[in-house]
C-alpha atoms as a PDB file:
ATOM      1  CA  MET A   1      19.338-150.949  -5.026  1.00  0.00           C
ATOM      2  CA  PHE A   2      21.318-152.672  -7.773  1.00  0.00           C
ATOM      3  CA  GLY A   3      21.526-151.122 -11.228  1.00  0.00           C
ATOM      4  CA  ILE A   4      22.388-154.424 -12.881  1.00  0.00           C
ATOM      5  CA  LYS A   5      20.595-157.738 -12.766  1.00  0.00           C
ATOM      6  CA  PRO A   6      21.181-159.606  -9.475  1.00  0.00           C
ATOM      7  CA  LYS A   7      22.650-162.699 -11.185  1.00  0.00           C
ATOM      8  CA  LEU A   8      25.294-160.587 -12.896  1.00  0.00           C
ATOM      9  CA  PHE A   9      26.074-158.751  -9.672  1.00  0.00           C
ATOM     10  CA  ILE A  10      26.415-162.056  -7.811  1.00  0.00           C
ATOM     11  CA  TRP A  11      28.697-163.461 -10.504  1.00  0.00           C
ATOM     12  CA  ALA A  12      30.830-160.306 -10.342  1.00  0.00           C
ATOM     13  CA  LYS A  13      31.298-161.004  -6.623  1.00  0.00           C
ATOM     14  CA  LEU A  14      31.958-164.735  -7.076  1.00  0.00           C
ATOM     15  CA  HIS A  15      34.129-164.601 -10.188  1.00  0.00           C
ATOM     16  CA  PRO A  16      37.445-163.665  -8.510  1.00  0.00           C
ATOM     17  CA  LYS A  17      37.021-166.499  -5.989  1.00  0.00           C
ATOM     18  CA  VAL A  18      36.140-168.972  -8.743  1.00  0.00           C
ATOM     19  CA  GLU A  19      39.140-167.894 -10.834  1.00  0.00           C
ATOM     20  CA  ALA A  20      41.441-168.316  -7.831  1.00  0.00           C
ATOM     21  CA  LYS A  21      40.357-171.914  -7.186  1.00  0.00           C
ATOM     22  CA  GLU A  22      41.275-174.301 -10.011  1.00  0.00           C
ATOM     23  CA  ALA A  23      38.525-176.855  -9.293  1.00  0.00           C
ATOM     24  CA  ALA A  24      35.871-174.130  -9.209  1.00  0.00           C
ATOM     25  CA  LYS A  25      37.228-172.540 -12.375  1.00  0.00           C
ATOM     26  CA  GLU A  26      37.107-175.890 -14.190  1.00  0.00           C
ATOM     27  CA  ALA A  27      33.572-176.584 -12.944  1.00  0.00           C
ATOM     28  CA  ALA A  28      32.379-173.142 -14.103  1.00  0.00           C
ATOM     29  CA  THR A  29      33.964-173.657 -17.525  1.00  0.00           C
ATOM     30  CA  ASP A  30      32.349-177.085 -17.838  1.00  0.00           C
ATOM     31  CA  VAL A  31      28.888-175.718 -16.989  1.00  0.00           C
ATOM     32  CA  ALA A  32      29.349-172.835 -19.418  1.00  0.00           C
ATOM     33  CA  GLN A  33      30.051-175.360 -22.173  1.00  0.00           C
ATOM     34  CA  LYS A  34      27.215-177.739 -21.238  1.00  0.00           C
ATOM     35  CA  PRO A  35      24.699-175.823 -19.097  1.00  0.00           C
ATOM     36  CA  GLU A  36      22.078-178.583 -19.292  1.00  0.00           C
ATOM     37  CA  ASP A  37      24.365-181.245 -17.775  1.00  0.00           C
ATOM     38  CA  GLU A  38      23.091-181.882 -14.244  1.00  0.00           C
ATOM     39  CA  ASP A  39      26.283-183.632 -13.144  1.00  0.00           C
ATOM     40  CA  LEU A  40      28.370-180.611 -14.118  1.00  0.00           C
ATOM     41  CA  GLN A  41      25.894-178.322 -12.364  1.00  0.00           C
ATOM     42  CA  ALA A  42      26.264-180.419  -9.206  1.00  0.00           C
ATOM     43  CA  SER A  43      30.052-180.157  -9.422  1.00  0.00           C
ATOM     44  CA  LEU A  44      29.826-176.370  -9.688  1.00  0.00           C
ATOM     45  CA  ARG A  45      27.373-176.221  -6.773  1.00  0.00           C
ATOM     46  CA  VAL A  46      29.842-178.136  -4.600  1.00  0.00           C
ATOM     47  CA  GLN A  47      32.653-175.747  -5.507  1.00  0.00           C
ATOM     48  CA  LEU A  48      30.503-172.666  -4.888  1.00  0.00           C
ATOM     49  CA  LYS A  49      29.387-174.114  -1.563  1.00  0.00           C
ATOM     50  CA  LYS A  50      33.023-174.552  -0.525  1.00  0.00           C
ATOM     51  CA  ILE A  51      33.842-170.988  -1.550  1.00  0.00           C
ATOM     52  CA  LEU A  52      30.903-169.550   0.390  1.00  0.00           C
ATOM     53  CA  GLU A  53      31.574-171.665   3.475  1.00  0.00           C
ATOM     54  CA  ALA A  54      35.156-170.402   3.505  1.00  0.00           C
ATOM     55  CA  ASP A  55      34.146-166.760   2.996  1.00  0.00           C
ATOM     56  CA  THR A  56      31.157-165.964   5.190  1.00  0.00           C
ATOM     57  CA  VAL A  57      31.377-162.237   4.406  1.00  0.00           C
ATOM     58  CA  LEU A  58      30.917-163.007   0.702  1.00  0.00           C
ATOM     59  CA  ALA A  59      28.066-165.379   1.534  1.00  0.00           C
ATOM     60  CA  GLU A  60      26.326-162.622   3.514  1.00  0.00           C
ATOM     61  CA  GLU A  61      26.812-160.123   0.663  1.00  0.00           C
ATOM     62  CA  ILE A  62      25.239-162.538  -1.798  1.00  0.00           C
ATOM     63  CA  ALA A  63      22.365-163.251   0.585  1.00  0.00           C
ATOM     64  CA  LYS A  64      21.689-159.496   0.761  1.00  0.00           C
ATOM     65  CA  ILE A  65      21.712-159.220  -3.038  1.00  0.00           C
ATOM     66  CA  LEU A  66      19.249-162.085  -3.329  1.00  0.00           C
ATOM     67  CA  GLN A  67      17.008-160.599  -0.661  1.00  0.00           C
ATOM     68  CA  ALA A  68      17.064-157.162  -2.297  1.00  0.00           C
ATOM     69  CA  SER A  69      16.172-158.663  -5.659  1.00  0.00           C
ATOM     70  CA  THR A  70      13.116-160.421  -4.235  1.00  0.00           C
ATOM     71  CA  ASP A  71      12.003-157.289  -2.382  1.00  0.00           C
ATOM     72  CA  GLN A  72      11.654-155.259  -5.571  1.00  0.00           C
ATOM     73  CA  PRO A  73       8.103-155.281  -6.890  1.00  0.00           C
ATOM     74  CA  GLY A  74       7.865-156.461 -10.446  1.00  0.00           C
ATOM     75  CA  ASP A  75      10.926-158.685 -10.296  1.00  0.00           C
ATOM     76  CA  ASN A  76       8.853-161.752  -9.597  1.00  0.00           C
ATOM     77  CA  ILE A  77       6.134-161.998 -12.181  1.00  0.00           C
ATOM     78  CA  GLN A  78       4.206-165.152 -12.796  1.00  0.00           C
ATOM     79  CA  PHE A  79       2.151-165.689 -15.888  1.00  0.00           C
ATOM     80  CA  SER A  80      -0.199-168.614 -16.264  1.00  0.00           C
ATOM     81  CA  ALA A  81      -3.096-169.280 -18.568  1.00  0.00           C
ATOM     82  CA  ASN A  82      -5.145-172.138 -19.873  1.00  0.00           C
ATOM     83  CA  ALA A  83      -6.201-172.659 -23.473  1.00  0.00           C
ATOM     84  CA  TYR A  84      -9.336-174.641 -24.200  1.00  0.00           C
ATOM     85  CA  ASP A  85     -10.587-176.064 -27.467  1.00  0.00           C
ATOM     86  CA  GLN A  86      -8.872-174.388 -30.429  1.00  0.00           C
ATOM     87  CA  SER A  87      -7.921-171.223 -28.544  1.00  0.00           C
ATOM     88  CA  THR A  88      -4.328-170.145 -28.015  1.00  0.00           C
ATOM     89  CA  VAL A  89      -2.530-168.318 -25.246  1.00  0.00           C
ATOM     90  CA  LYS A  90       0.215-165.839 -26.026  1.00  0.00           C
ATOM     91  CA  GLN A  91       2.363-163.545 -23.972  1.00  0.00           C
ATOM     92  CA  VAL A  92       2.537-160.165 -25.637  1.00  0.00           C
ATOM     93  CA  GLY A  93       4.748-157.285 -24.615  1.00  0.00           C
ATOM     94  CA  LYS A  94       7.898-156.651 -22.710  1.00  0.00           C
ATOM     95  CA  ILE A  95       8.356-155.585 -19.130  1.00  0.00           C
ATOM     96  CA  ASP A  96      11.496-153.522 -18.651  1.00  0.00           C
ATOM     97  CA  ALA A  97      12.231-151.771 -15.364  1.00  0.00           C
ATOM     98  CA  ASN A  98       9.055-149.872 -14.477  1.00  0.00           C
ATOM     99  CA  GLN A  99       7.623-149.820 -17.991  1.00  0.00           C
ATOM    100  CA  VAL A 100       5.404-152.185 -19.875  1.00  0.00           C
ATOM    101  CA  SER A 101       5.437-152.007 -23.655  1.00  0.00           C
ATOM    102  CA  PHE A 102       3.332-153.804 -26.239  1.00  0.00           C
END
């Protein structure tokens, strides 16, 4: 359904609202500068929550994007393995769209 990655599509929808709200804009900038900072992440979550509560149409659009991205086979791949003794486990290859290359 979406030709670009869902996260980018969601950000494209959210970005104008974030830019229009100074507190949200500052929180997004802070997280971009220090993405590992959990306090900054929490601040951004609060701002995004306020934006989505105020704009239920946008919230529904984003919910649809998230749902569509989880409905596509191949988008949710889990890889797990165990190595015993001196053996090693490696992931080899790249999965891109409907193709697997090694």
